[in-house]
Amino acid sequence: MVIREDEICARVVSIINSAGEPLETKEVEQRVREKLKSAGITRTKIFYRLNLLRGDGAINGKFIGPGKGVWIWWKKEIVKK
């Protein structure tokens, strides 16, 4: 089964936007794998997509903790004026 890169990004955004709380990278990874049912999706690929989406402004992400630490991800809030 070949999964297009844009499908991974779409699933990541969908998972983060539907979550009621910030998610760790590990949680996002588990949920993406459940949805796409593929063993070919590595943590590195998902982390790369998460950082691309953060850079594009589609989601928010923050590094927390000492050492290797943990990244948390949450949906981009729309600020109404």
C-alpha atoms as a PDB file:
ATOM      1  CA  MET A   1       0.000   0.000   0.000  1.00  0.00           C
ATOM      2  CA  VAL A   2       1.497   3.310  -1.085  1.00  0.00           C
ATOM      3  CA  ILE A   3       0.448   6.330   0.928  1.00  0.00           C
ATOM      4  CA  ARG A   4       0.888   9.757  -0.588  1.00  0.00           C
ATOM      5  CA  GLU A   5       2.655  12.357   1.514  1.00  0.00           C
ATOM      6  CA  ASP A   6      -0.278  14.741   1.284  1.00  0.00           C
ATOM      7  CA  GLU A   7      -2.508  12.028   2.762  1.00  0.00           C
ATOM      8  CA  ILE A   8      -0.242  11.811   5.807  1.00  0.00           C
ATOM      9  CA  CYS A   9      -0.380  15.596   6.247  1.00  0.00           C
ATOM     10  CA  ALA A  10      -4.160  15.613   5.853  1.00  0.00           C
ATOM     11  CA  ARG A  11      -4.538  12.907   8.511  1.00  0.00           C
ATOM     12  CA  VAL A  12      -2.176  14.693  10.896  1.00  0.00           C
ATOM     13  CA  VAL A  13      -4.112  17.964  10.605  1.00  0.00           C
ATOM     14  CA  SER A  14      -7.430  16.139  11.003  1.00  0.00           C
ATOM     15  CA  ILE A  15      -6.247  14.289  14.120  1.00  0.00           C
ATOM     16  CA  ILE A  16      -4.821  17.393  15.771  1.00  0.00           C
ATOM     17  CA  ASN A  17      -7.852  19.558  14.950  1.00  0.00           C
ATOM     18  CA  SER A  18     -10.296  16.962  16.278  1.00  0.00           C
ATOM     19  CA  ALA A  19      -8.386  16.440  19.536  1.00  0.00           C
ATOM     20  CA  GLY A  20      -9.707  18.364  22.493  1.00  0.00           C
ATOM     21  CA  GLU A  21      -6.226  18.773  23.944  1.00  0.00           C
ATOM     22  CA  PRO A  22      -2.593  19.033  22.856  1.00  0.00           C
ATOM     23  CA  LEU A  23      -1.097  15.736  21.707  1.00  0.00           C
ATOM     24  CA  GLU A  24       2.452  14.429  22.021  1.00  0.00           C
ATOM     25  CA  THR A  25       4.257  13.227  18.905  1.00  0.00           C
ATOM     26  CA  LYS A  26       3.831   9.612  20.058  1.00  0.00           C
ATOM     27  CA  GLU A  27       0.047  10.025  20.308  1.00  0.00           C
ATOM     28  CA  VAL A  28      -0.154  11.594  16.849  1.00  0.00           C
ATOM     29  CA  GLU A  29       1.973   8.761  15.462  1.00  0.00           C
ATOM     30  CA  GLN A  30      -0.295   6.081  16.962  1.00  0.00           C
ATOM     31  CA  ARG A  31      -3.455   7.709  15.645  1.00  0.00           C
ATOM     32  CA  VAL A  32      -2.034   8.193  12.137  1.00  0.00           C
ATOM     33  CA  ARG A  33      -1.012   4.538  11.991  1.00  0.00           C
ATOM     34  CA  GLU A  34      -4.489   3.463  13.163  1.00  0.00           C
ATOM     35  CA  LYS A  35      -6.170   5.558  10.464  1.00  0.00           C
ATOM     36  CA  LEU A  36      -3.862   4.637   7.580  1.00  0.00           C
ATOM     37  CA  LYS A  37      -3.148   1.021   8.598  1.00  0.00           C
ATOM     38  CA  SER A  38       0.384   1.052   7.240  1.00  0.00           C
ATOM     39  CA  ALA A  39       3.624  -0.137   8.767  1.00  0.00           C
ATOM     40  CA  GLY A  40       5.615   1.983   6.289  1.00  0.00           C
ATOM     41  CA  ILE A  41       4.866   5.192   8.153  1.00  0.00           C
ATOM     42  CA  THR A  42       7.756   5.912  10.499  1.00  0.00           C
ATOM     43  CA  ARG A  43       7.954   8.292  13.429  1.00  0.00           C
ATOM     44  CA  THR A  44      10.525  10.295  11.460  1.00  0.00           C
ATOM     45  CA  LYS A  45       8.109  10.799   8.538  1.00  0.00           C
ATOM     46  CA  ILE A  46       5.329  11.909  10.856  1.00  0.00           C
ATOM     47  CA  PHE A  47       7.624  14.241  12.820  1.00  0.00           C
ATOM     48  CA  TYR A  48       8.856  15.745   9.549  1.00  0.00           C
ATOM     49  CA  ARG A  49       5.259  16.402   8.421  1.00  0.00           C
ATOM     50  CA  LEU A  50       4.389  17.887  11.816  1.00  0.00           C
ATOM     51  CA  ASN A  51       7.253  20.374  11.540  1.00  0.00           C
ATOM     52  CA  LEU A  52       6.328  21.246   7.949  1.00  0.00           C
ATOM     53  CA  LEU A  53       2.742  21.908   9.028  1.00  0.00           C
ATOM     54  CA  ARG A  54       3.955  23.986  11.981  1.00  0.00           C
ATOM     55  CA  GLY A  55       6.179  26.007   9.659  1.00  0.00           C
ATOM     56  CA  ASP A  56       3.259  26.570   7.281  1.00  0.00           C
ATOM     57  CA  GLY A  57       1.104  27.779  10.185  1.00  0.00           C
ATOM     58  CA  ALA A  58      -1.445  24.955   9.907  1.00  0.00           C
ATOM     59  CA  ILE A  59      -0.824  23.740  13.477  1.00  0.00           C
ATOM     60  CA  ASN A  60       1.060  24.845  16.567  1.00  0.00           C
ATOM     61  CA  GLY A  61       3.884  22.900  18.179  1.00  0.00           C
ATOM     62  CA  LYS A  62       6.243  23.358  21.087  1.00  0.00           C
ATOM     63  CA  PHE A  63       9.296  21.554  22.434  1.00  0.00           C
ATOM     64  CA  ILE A  64       9.035  20.872  26.160  1.00  0.00           C
ATOM     65  CA  GLY A  65      11.166  19.072  28.694  1.00  0.00           C
ATOM     66  CA  PRO A  66      14.886  18.601  29.269  1.00  0.00           C
ATOM     67  CA  GLY A  67      17.256  16.454  27.209  1.00  0.00           C
ATOM     68  CA  LYS A  68      15.557  14.982  24.167  1.00  0.00           C
ATOM     69  CA  GLY A  69      12.300  16.309  25.553  1.00  0.00           C
ATOM     70  CA  VAL A  70       8.883  15.977  24.032  1.00  0.00           C
ATOM     71  CA  TRP A  71       7.049  17.919  21.358  1.00  0.00           C
ATOM     72  CA  ILE A  72       3.380  18.745  21.853  1.00  0.00           C
ATOM     73  CA  TRP A  73       1.043  19.720  19.017  1.00  0.00           C
ATOM     74  CA  TRP A  74      -2.288  21.514  19.025  1.00  0.00           C
ATOM     75  CA  LYS A  75      -4.643  23.100  16.539  1.00  0.00           C
ATOM     76  CA  LYS A  76      -4.195  26.586  15.268  1.00  0.00           C
ATOM     77  CA  GLU A  77      -6.737  28.835  16.952  1.00  0.00           C
ATOM     78  CA  ILE A  78      -8.445  31.452  14.859  1.00  0.00           C
ATOM     79  CA  VAL A  79      -8.459  34.772  16.681  1.00  0.00           C
ATOM     80  CA  LYS A  80     -11.562  36.828  16.006  1.00  0.00           C
ATOM     81  CA  LYS A  81     -11.316  40.575  16.387  1.00  0.00           C
END
